[in-house]
PDB file of N, CA and C in Angstrom:
ATOM      1  N   MET A   1       0.951  -1.074   0.061  1.00  0.00           N
ATOM      2  CA  MET A   1      -0.105  -0.119  -0.039  1.00  0.00           C
ATOM      3  C   MET A   1       0.767   1.335   0.014  1.00  0.00           C
ATOM      4  N   GLY A   2       1.750   1.343   0.753  1.00  0.00           N
ATOM      5  CA  GLY A   2       2.943   2.551   0.725  1.00  0.00           C
ATOM      6  C   GLY A   2       3.221   2.972  -0.221  1.00  0.00           C
ATOM      7  N   TYR A   3       3.719   1.529  -1.276  1.00  0.00           N
ATOM      8  CA  TYR A   3       4.313   1.707  -2.464  1.00  0.00           C
ATOM      9  C   TYR A   3       3.423   2.422  -3.168  1.00  0.00           C
ATOM     10  N   VAL A   4       2.307   2.051  -3.431  1.00  0.00           N
ATOM     11  CA  VAL A   4       1.192   2.747  -4.302  1.00  0.00           C
ATOM     12  C   VAL A   4       1.129   4.205  -4.134  1.00  0.00           C
ATOM     13  N   VAL A   5       0.999   4.577  -2.723  1.00  0.00           N
ATOM     14  CA  VAL A   5       0.923   5.583  -2.299  1.00  0.00           C
ATOM     15  C   VAL A   5       2.002   6.723  -2.832  1.00  0.00           C
ATOM     16  N   LYS A   6       3.177   6.203  -2.671  1.00  0.00           N
ATOM     17  CA  LYS A   6       4.483   6.956  -3.159  1.00  0.00           C
ATOM     18  C   LYS A   6       4.353   7.054  -4.310  1.00  0.00           C
ATOM     19  N   LEU A   7       3.826   6.006  -5.510  1.00  0.00           N
ATOM     20  CA  LEU A   7       3.777   6.038  -6.884  1.00  0.00           C
ATOM     21  C   LEU A   7       3.016   7.096  -7.112  1.00  0.00           C
ATOM     22  N   TYR A   8       1.792   7.123  -6.541  1.00  0.00           N
ATOM     23  CA  TYR A   8       0.725   8.262  -6.748  1.00  0.00           C
ATOM     24  C   TYR A   8       1.207   9.930  -6.283  1.00  0.00           C
ATOM     25  N   GLN A   9       2.086   9.964  -5.312  1.00  0.00           N
ATOM     26  CA  GLN A   9       2.740  11.160  -5.103  1.00  0.00           C
ATOM     27  C   GLN A   9       3.808  11.569  -5.859  1.00  0.00           C
ATOM     28  N   ASP A  10       4.571  10.800  -6.467  1.00  0.00           N
ATOM     29  CA  ASP A  10       5.602  10.816  -7.387  1.00  0.00           C
ATOM     30  C   ASP A  10       5.037  11.537  -8.619  1.00  0.00           C
ATOM     31  N   ALA A  11       3.740  10.684  -9.077  1.00  0.00           N
ATOM     32  CA  ALA A  11       3.167  11.162 -10.588  1.00  0.00           C
ATOM     33  C   ALA A  11       2.357  12.698 -10.230  1.00  0.00           C
ATOM     34  N   ALA A  12       2.015  12.833  -9.152  1.00  0.00           N
ATOM     35  CA  ALA A  12       1.509  14.287  -8.878  1.00  0.00           C
ATOM     36  C   ALA A  12       2.670  15.172  -8.977  1.00  0.00           C
ATOM     37  N   ALA A  13       3.680  14.622  -8.291  1.00  0.00           N
ATOM     38  CA  ALA A  13       4.885  15.858  -8.148  1.00  0.00           C
ATOM     39  C   ALA A  13       5.443  16.289  -9.713  1.00  0.00           C
ATOM     40  N   ARG A  14       5.264  15.261 -10.351  1.00  0.00           N
ATOM     41  CA  ARG A  14       5.793  15.122 -12.171  1.00  0.00           C
ATOM     42  C   ARG A  14       4.838  15.940 -12.704  1.00  0.00           C
ATOM     43  N   ARG A  15       3.638  15.985 -12.540  1.00  0.00           N
ATOM     44  CA  ARG A  15       2.458  16.645 -13.269  1.00  0.00           C
ATOM     45  C   ARG A  15       2.663  18.137 -12.808  1.00  0.00           C
ATOM     46  N   ARG A  16       3.022  18.475 -11.469  1.00  0.00           N
ATOM     47  CA  ARG A  16       3.018  19.858 -11.010  1.00  0.00           C
ATOM     48  C   ARG A  16       4.115  20.401 -11.643  1.00  0.00           C
ATOM     49  N   ASP A  17       5.288  19.571 -11.889  1.00  0.00           N
ATOM     50  CA  ASP A  17       6.530  20.086 -12.137  1.00  0.00           C
ATOM     51  C   ASP A  17       6.297  20.487 -13.658  1.00  0.00           C
ATOM     52  N   GLN A  18       5.587  19.506 -14.707  1.00  0.00           N
ATOM     53  CA  GLN A  18       5.297  19.774 -16.023  1.00  0.00           C
ATOM     54  C   GLN A  18       4.509  21.117 -15.923  1.00  0.00           C
ATOM     55  N   PHE A  19       3.575  21.382 -15.353  1.00  0.00           N
ATOM     56  CA  PHE A  19       2.670  22.692 -15.405  1.00  0.00           C
ATOM     57  C   PHE A  19       3.703  23.889 -15.299  1.00  0.00           C
ATOM     58  N   PHE A  20       4.281  23.740 -14.202  1.00  0.00           N
ATOM     59  CA  PHE A  20       5.391  24.891 -14.081  1.00  0.00           C
ATOM     60  C   PHE A  20       6.498  25.189 -14.986  1.00  0.00           C
ATOM     61  N   GLU A  21       6.838  24.038 -15.709  1.00  0.00           N
ATOM     62  CA  GLU A  21       7.663  23.981 -16.844  1.00  0.00           C
ATOM     63  C   GLU A  21       6.865  24.751 -18.066  1.00  0.00           C
ATOM     64  N   LEU A  22       5.811  24.326 -18.253  1.00  0.00           N
ATOM     65  CA  LEU A  22       4.937  24.966 -19.652  1.00  0.00           C
ATOM     66  C   LEU A  22       4.895  26.607 -19.088  1.00  0.00           C
ATOM     67  N   MET A  23       4.672  26.897 -17.927  1.00  0.00           N
ATOM     68  CA  MET A  23       4.316  28.402 -17.328  1.00  0.00           C
ATOM     69  C   MET A  23       5.755  29.116 -17.704  1.00  0.00           C
ATOM     70  N   ALA A  24       6.886  28.316 -17.421  1.00  0.00           N
ATOM     71  CA  ALA A  24       8.216  28.991 -17.622  1.00  0.00           C
ATOM     72  C   ALA A  24       8.385  29.169 -19.285  1.00  0.00           C
ATOM     73  N   PHE A  25       8.212  28.201 -20.117  1.00  0.00           N
ATOM     74  CA  PHE A  25       8.347  28.362 -21.479  1.00  0.00           C
ATOM     75  C   PHE A  25       7.337  29.426 -22.049  1.00  0.00           C
ATOM     76  N   ILE A  26       6.184  29.787 -21.556  1.00  0.00           N
ATOM     77  CA  ILE A  26       5.127  30.910 -21.784  1.00  0.00           C
ATOM     78  C   ILE A  26       6.006  32.103 -21.386  1.00  0.00           C
ATOM     79  N   ASP A  27       6.599  32.274 -20.205  1.00  0.00           N
ATOM     80  CA  ASP A  27       7.212  33.486 -19.613  1.00  0.00           C
ATOM     81  C   ASP A  27       8.510  33.851 -20.269  1.00  0.00           C
ATOM     82  N   SER A  28       9.179  32.936 -20.708  1.00  0.00           N
ATOM     83  CA  SER A  28      10.389  33.053 -21.282  1.00  0.00           C
ATOM     84  C   SER A  28      10.619  34.122 -22.416  1.00  0.00           C
ATOM     85  N   ARG A  29      11.387  35.146 -22.486  1.00  0.00           N
ATOM     86  CA  ARG A  29      11.816  36.327 -23.437  1.00  0.00           C
ATOM     87  C   ARG A  29      12.552  35.242 -24.614  1.00  0.00           C
ATOM     88  N   ASP A  30      13.161  34.172 -24.314  1.00  0.00           N
ATOM     89  CA  ASP A  30      14.243  33.507 -25.409  1.00  0.00           C
ATOM     90  C   ASP A  30      13.433  32.151 -26.161  1.00  0.00           C
ATOM     91  N   ARG A  31      12.201  32.252 -25.713  1.00  0.00           N
ATOM     92  CA  ARG A  31      11.482  30.984 -26.444  1.00  0.00           C
ATOM     93  C   ARG A  31      10.882  31.614 -27.961  1.00  0.00           C
ATOM     94  N   PRO A  32      10.706  30.569 -28.771  1.00  0.00           N
ATOM     95  CA  PRO A  32      10.042  31.288 -30.027  1.00  0.00           C
ATOM     96  C   PRO A  32       8.570  30.987 -29.973  1.00  0.00           C
ATOM     97  N   ILE A  33       7.975  31.806 -30.610  1.00  0.00           N
ATOM     98  CA  ILE A  33       6.442  31.966 -30.391  1.00  0.00           C
ATOM     99  C   ILE A  33       5.903  30.624 -30.597  1.00  0.00           C
ATOM    100  N   ALA A  34       6.216  29.901 -31.320  1.00  0.00           N
ATOM    101  CA  ALA A  34       5.698  28.733 -31.811  1.00  0.00           C
ATOM    102  C   ALA A  34       5.567  27.739 -30.637  1.00  0.00           C
ATOM    103  N   THR A  35       6.696  27.765 -29.933  1.00  0.00           N
ATOM    104  CA  THR A  35       7.045  27.100 -28.566  1.00  0.00           C
ATOM    105  C   THR A  35       5.944  27.586 -27.646  1.00  0.00           C
ATOM    106  N   LYS A  36       5.738  28.933 -27.479  1.00  0.00           N
ATOM    107  CA  LYS A  36       4.853  29.322 -26.433  1.00  0.00           C
ATOM    108  C   LYS A  36       3.540  28.912 -26.813  1.00  0.00           C
ATOM    109  N   ILE A  37       3.098  29.070 -28.179  1.00  0.00           N
ATOM    110  CA  ILE A  37       1.548  28.572 -28.409  1.00  0.00           C
ATOM    111  C   ILE A  37       1.318  27.173 -28.072  1.00  0.00           C
ATOM    112  N   ALA A  38       2.315  26.318 -28.096  1.00  0.00           N
ATOM    113  CA  ALA A  38       2.329  25.016 -27.924  1.00  0.00           C
ATOM    114  C   ALA A  38       2.184  24.812 -26.455  1.00  0.00           C
ATOM    115  N   ALA A  39       3.041  25.482 -25.781  1.00  0.00           N
ATOM    116  CA  ALA A  39       2.869  25.579 -24.436  1.00  0.00           C
ATOM    117  C   ALA A  39       1.312  25.903 -23.951  1.00  0.00           C
ATOM    118  N   VAL A  40       0.835  26.965 -24.177  1.00  0.00           N
ATOM    119  CA  VAL A  40      -0.417  27.383 -24.068  1.00  0.00           C
ATOM    120  C   VAL A  40      -1.397  26.432 -24.221  1.00  0.00           C
ATOM    121  N   TYR A  41      -1.292  25.735 -25.489  1.00  0.00           N
ATOM    122  CA  TYR A  41      -2.168  24.641 -25.870  1.00  0.00           C
ATOM    123  C   TYR A  41      -2.329  23.459 -24.930  1.00  0.00           C
ATOM    124  N   ARG A  42      -1.018  23.032 -24.453  1.00  0.00           N
ATOM    125  CA  ARG A  42      -1.106  22.009 -23.357  1.00  0.00           C
ATOM    126  C   ARG A  42      -1.451  22.546 -22.171  1.00  0.00           C
ATOM    127  N   LEU A  43      -1.598  23.491 -21.617  1.00  0.00           N
ATOM    128  CA  LEU A  43      -2.326  23.913 -20.582  1.00  0.00           C
ATOM    129  C   LEU A  43      -3.764  23.355 -20.301  1.00  0.00           C
ATOM    130  N   ARG A  44      -4.164  22.823 -21.371  1.00  0.00           N
ATOM    131  CA  ARG A  44      -5.490  22.170 -21.351  1.00  0.00           C
ATOM    132  C   ARG A  44      -5.433  21.101 -20.910  1.00  0.00           C
ATOM    133  N   ASP A  45      -4.064  20.247 -20.704  1.00  0.00           N
ATOM    134  CA  ASP A  45      -4.063  19.208 -20.066  1.00  0.00           C
ATOM    135  C   ASP A  45      -4.236  19.133 -18.413  1.00  0.00           C
ATOM    136  N   PHE A  46      -4.549  20.326 -17.919  1.00  0.00           N
ATOM    137  CA  PHE A  46      -4.577  20.768 -16.708  1.00  0.00           C
ATOM    138  C   PHE A  46      -5.723  21.114 -16.002  1.00  0.00           C
ATOM    139  N   PRO A  47      -6.741  20.655 -16.269  1.00  0.00           N
ATOM    140  CA  PRO A  47      -8.225  20.978 -15.853  1.00  0.00           C
ATOM    141  C   PRO A  47      -8.435  21.308 -14.325  1.00  0.00           C
ATOM    142  N   LYS A  48      -7.486  20.793 -13.510  1.00  0.00           N
ATOM    143  CA  LYS A  48      -7.697  21.107 -12.144  1.00  0.00           C
ATOM    144  C   LYS A  48      -7.322  22.461 -11.875  1.00  0.00           C
ATOM    145  N   ASP A  49      -6.483  23.082 -12.732  1.00  0.00           N
ATOM    146  CA  ASP A  49      -5.967  24.446 -12.550  1.00  0.00           C
ATOM    147  C   ASP A  49      -6.713  25.244 -13.355  1.00  0.00           C
ATOM    148  N   LYS A  50      -7.883  25.064 -13.847  1.00  0.00           N
ATOM    149  CA  LYS A  50      -8.451  25.745 -15.107  1.00  0.00           C
ATOM    150  C   LYS A  50      -9.100  27.134 -14.705  1.00  0.00           C
ATOM    151  N   ASP A  51      -9.465  27.383 -13.514  1.00  0.00           N
ATOM    152  CA  ASP A  51      -9.549  28.852 -12.849  1.00  0.00           C
ATOM    153  C   ASP A  51      -8.277  29.711 -12.943  1.00  0.00           C
ATOM    154  N   PHE A  52      -7.182  29.295 -12.633  1.00  0.00           N
ATOM    155  CA  PHE A  52      -5.795  29.937 -12.624  1.00  0.00           C
ATOM    156  C   PHE A  52      -5.716  30.035 -14.138  1.00  0.00           C
ATOM    157  N   ILE A  53      -5.507  29.071 -15.063  1.00  0.00           N
ATOM    158  CA  ILE A  53      -5.278  29.167 -16.567  1.00  0.00           C
ATOM    159  C   ILE A  53      -6.221  30.281 -17.194  1.00  0.00           C
ATOM    160  N   VAL A  54      -7.405  30.111 -16.620  1.00  0.00           N
ATOM    161  CA  VAL A  54      -8.400  31.093 -17.431  1.00  0.00           C
ATOM    162  C   VAL A  54      -7.910  32.623 -16.987  1.00  0.00           C
ATOM    163  N   ARG A  55      -7.811  32.780 -15.970  1.00  0.00           N
ATOM    164  CA  ARG A  55      -7.231  34.245 -15.348  1.00  0.00           C
ATOM    165  C   ARG A  55      -6.000  34.531 -15.932  1.00  0.00           C
ATOM    166  N   PHE A  56      -5.248  33.594 -16.163  1.00  0.00           N
ATOM    167  CA  PHE A  56      -3.764  34.062 -16.888  1.00  0.00           C
ATOM    168  C   PHE A  56      -4.188  34.321 -18.339  1.00  0.00           C
ATOM    169  N   CYS A  57      -4.437  33.252 -18.774  1.00  0.00           N
ATOM    170  CA  CYS A  57      -4.758  33.835 -20.305  1.00  0.00           C
ATOM    171  C   CYS A  57      -5.590  35.002 -20.596  1.00  0.00           C
ATOM    172  N   GLU A  58      -6.454  35.477 -19.819  1.00  0.00           N
ATOM    173  CA  GLU A  58      -7.164  36.655 -19.751  1.00  0.00           C
ATOM    174  C   GLU A  58      -6.068  37.943 -19.723  1.00  0.00           C
ATOM    175  N   SER A  59      -5.469  37.905 -18.509  1.00  0.00           N
ATOM    176  CA  SER A  59      -4.661  38.991 -17.937  1.00  0.00           C
ATOM    177  C   SER A  59      -3.391  39.367 -18.883  1.00  0.00           C
ATOM    178  N   GLN A  60      -2.899  38.193 -19.268  1.00  0.00           N
ATOM    179  CA  GLN A  60      -1.415  38.214 -19.757  1.00  0.00           C
ATOM    180  C   GLN A  60      -1.525  38.520 -21.711  1.00  0.00           C
ATOM    181  N   ARG A  61      -2.794  38.164 -22.080  1.00  0.00           N
ATOM    182  CA  ARG A  61      -2.809  38.578 -23.537  1.00  0.00           C
ATOM    183  C   ARG A  61      -2.257  39.801 -24.079  1.00  0.00           C
ATOM    184  N   GLU A  62      -2.572  40.716 -23.055  1.00  0.00           N
ATOM    185  CA  GLU A  62      -2.303  42.183 -23.620  1.00  0.00           C
ATOM    186  C   GLU A  62      -0.661  42.761 -23.338  1.00  0.00           C
ATOM    187  N   ASN A  63       0.092  41.776 -22.640  1.00  0.00           N
ATOM    188  CA  ASN A  63       1.422  41.866 -22.658  1.00  0.00           C
ATOM    189  C   ASN A  63       2.478  41.297 -23.465  1.00  0.00           C
ATOM    190  N   ILE A  64       1.665  40.494 -24.301  1.00  0.00           N
ATOM    191  CA  ILE A  64       2.342  39.980 -25.366  1.00  0.00           C
ATOM    192  C   ILE A  64       2.765  40.834 -26.486  1.00  0.00           C
ATOM    193  N   GLN A  65       3.992  40.797 -26.993  1.00  0.00           N
ATOM    194  CA  GLN A  65       4.799  41.835 -27.827  1.00  0.00           C
ATOM    195  C   GLN A  65       5.302  40.831 -29.010  1.00  0.00           C
ATOM    196  N   GLY A  66       5.731  41.585 -30.283  1.00  0.00           N
ATOM    197  CA  GLY A  66       6.121  40.905 -31.333  1.00  0.00           C
ATOM    198  C   GLY A  66       5.427  40.728 -32.491  1.00  0.00           C
ATOM    199  N   ASP A  67       5.942  40.368 -33.701  1.00  0.00           N
ATOM    200  CA  ASP A  67       5.414  40.049 -34.885  1.00  0.00           C
ATOM    201  C   ASP A  67       4.433  39.103 -34.845  1.00  0.00           C
ATOM    202  N   ALA A  68       4.685  37.921 -34.311  1.00  0.00           N
ATOM    203  CA  ALA A  68       3.395  37.047 -34.291  1.00  0.00           C
ATOM    204  C   ALA A  68       2.485  36.866 -33.034  1.00  0.00           C
ATOM    205  N   ALA A  69       2.733  38.055 -31.968  1.00  0.00           N
ATOM    206  CA  ALA A  69       1.763  38.244 -30.899  1.00  0.00           C
ATOM    207  C   ALA A  69       0.380  37.766 -31.000  1.00  0.00           C
ATOM    208  N   ARG A  70      -0.213  38.174 -32.034  1.00  0.00           N
ATOM    209  CA  ARG A  70      -1.619  37.754 -32.205  1.00  0.00           C
ATOM    210  C   ARG A  70      -2.064  36.200 -32.392  1.00  0.00           C
ATOM    211  N   PHE A  71      -0.974  35.524 -32.771  1.00  0.00           N
ATOM    212  CA  PHE A  71      -1.191  34.053 -32.906  1.00  0.00           C
ATOM    213  C   PHE A  71      -1.311  33.502 -31.188  1.00  0.00           C
ATOM    214  N   LEU A  72      -0.306  34.018 -30.543  1.00  0.00           N
ATOM    215  CA  LEU A  72      -0.244  33.743 -29.037  1.00  0.00           C
ATOM    216  C   LEU A  72      -1.514  34.178 -28.401  1.00  0.00           C
ATOM    217  N   ARG A  73      -1.830  35.435 -28.784  1.00  0.00           N
ATOM    218  CA  ARG A  73      -3.177  35.733 -28.231  1.00  0.00           C
ATOM    219  C   ARG A  73      -4.380  35.085 -28.537  1.00  0.00           C
ATOM    220  N   ASP A  74      -4.589  34.530 -29.986  1.00  0.00           N
ATOM    221  CA  ASP A  74      -5.657  33.652 -30.179  1.00  0.00           C
ATOM    222  C   ASP A  74      -5.174  32.367 -29.405  1.00  0.00           C
ATOM    223  N   GLU A  75      -4.346  31.879 -29.162  1.00  0.00           N
ATOM    224  CA  GLU A  75      -4.186  30.350 -28.387  1.00  0.00           C
ATOM    225  C   GLU A  75      -4.589  30.770 -27.024  1.00  0.00           C
ATOM    226  N   MET A  76      -4.259  31.986 -26.478  1.00  0.00           N
ATOM    227  CA  MET A  76      -4.654  32.256 -25.086  1.00  0.00           C
ATOM    228  C   MET A  76      -6.323  32.185 -24.900  1.00  0.00           C
ATOM    229  N   ASP A  77      -6.771  33.004 -25.917  1.00  0.00           N
ATOM    230  CA  ASP A  77      -8.079  33.051 -25.886  1.00  0.00           C
ATOM    231  C   ASP A  77      -8.835  31.927 -26.084  1.00  0.00           C
ATOM    232  N   ALA A  78      -8.209  30.907 -27.169  1.00  0.00           N
ATOM    233  CA  ALA A  78      -8.866  29.583 -27.485  1.00  0.00           C
ATOM    234  C   ALA A  78      -8.882  28.577 -26.062  1.00  0.00           C
ATOM    235  N   THR A  79      -7.686  28.705 -25.428  1.00  0.00           N
ATOM    236  CA  THR A  79      -7.581  27.867 -24.244  1.00  0.00           C
ATOM    237  C   THR A  79      -8.362  28.363 -23.291  1.00  0.00           C
ATOM    238  N   ALA A  80      -8.500  29.656 -22.842  1.00  0.00           N
ATOM    239  CA  ALA A  80      -9.421  30.410 -22.062  1.00  0.00           C
ATOM    240  C   ALA A  80     -11.164  29.704 -22.157  1.00  0.00           C
ATOM    241  N   GLN A  81     -11.198  29.982 -23.381  1.00  0.00           N
ATOM    242  CA  GLN A  81     -12.605  29.290 -23.949  1.00  0.00           C
ATOM    243  C   GLN A  81     -12.987  27.969 -23.715  1.00  0.00           C
ATOM    244  N   PHE A  82     -11.826  26.894 -23.870  1.00  0.00           N
ATOM    245  CA  PHE A  82     -11.849  25.842 -23.743  1.00  0.00           C
ATOM    246  C   PHE A  82     -12.398  25.151 -22.225  1.00  0.00           C
ATOM    247  N   PHE A  83     -11.880  26.098 -21.366  1.00  0.00           N
ATOM    248  CA  PHE A  83     -12.320  25.716 -20.016  1.00  0.00           C
ATOM    249  C   PHE A  83     -13.551  26.398 -19.430  1.00  0.00           C
ATOM    250  N   LEU A  84     -13.946  27.590 -20.250  1.00  0.00           N
ATOM    251  CA  LEU A  84     -15.150  28.104 -19.814  1.00  0.00           C
ATOM    252  C   LEU A  84     -16.359  27.270 -20.357  1.00  0.00           C
ATOM    253  N   LYS A  85     -16.036  26.559 -21.530  1.00  0.00           N
ATOM    254  CA  LYS A  85     -17.085  25.812 -22.082  1.00  0.00           C
ATOM    255  C   LYS A  85     -17.693  24.703 -21.043  1.00  0.00           C
ATOM    256  N   LYS A  86     -16.645  24.100 -20.305  1.00  0.00           N
ATOM    257  CA  LYS A  86     -16.934  23.109 -19.612  1.00  0.00           C
ATOM    258  C   LYS A  86     -17.683  23.327 -18.221  1.00  0.00           C
TER     259      LYS A  86
END
């Protein structure tokens, strides 16, 4: 039983780390826009964090700068809508 609990805890820790890695990708100035778009899309894999993700996508979209900013904004809007529909 203890082994199963440990496996569950390890899986939860890996999942939490994945979430924060995605957030770091999105926040990084050194990452290509395509990587950020993909990272925002992958946020949909974290339904337990949907309230935060929706707030994040709605509040950060205006901070996006650069040539392809509209693509990242579009993905943030789509991700927020994904969670709002549920």
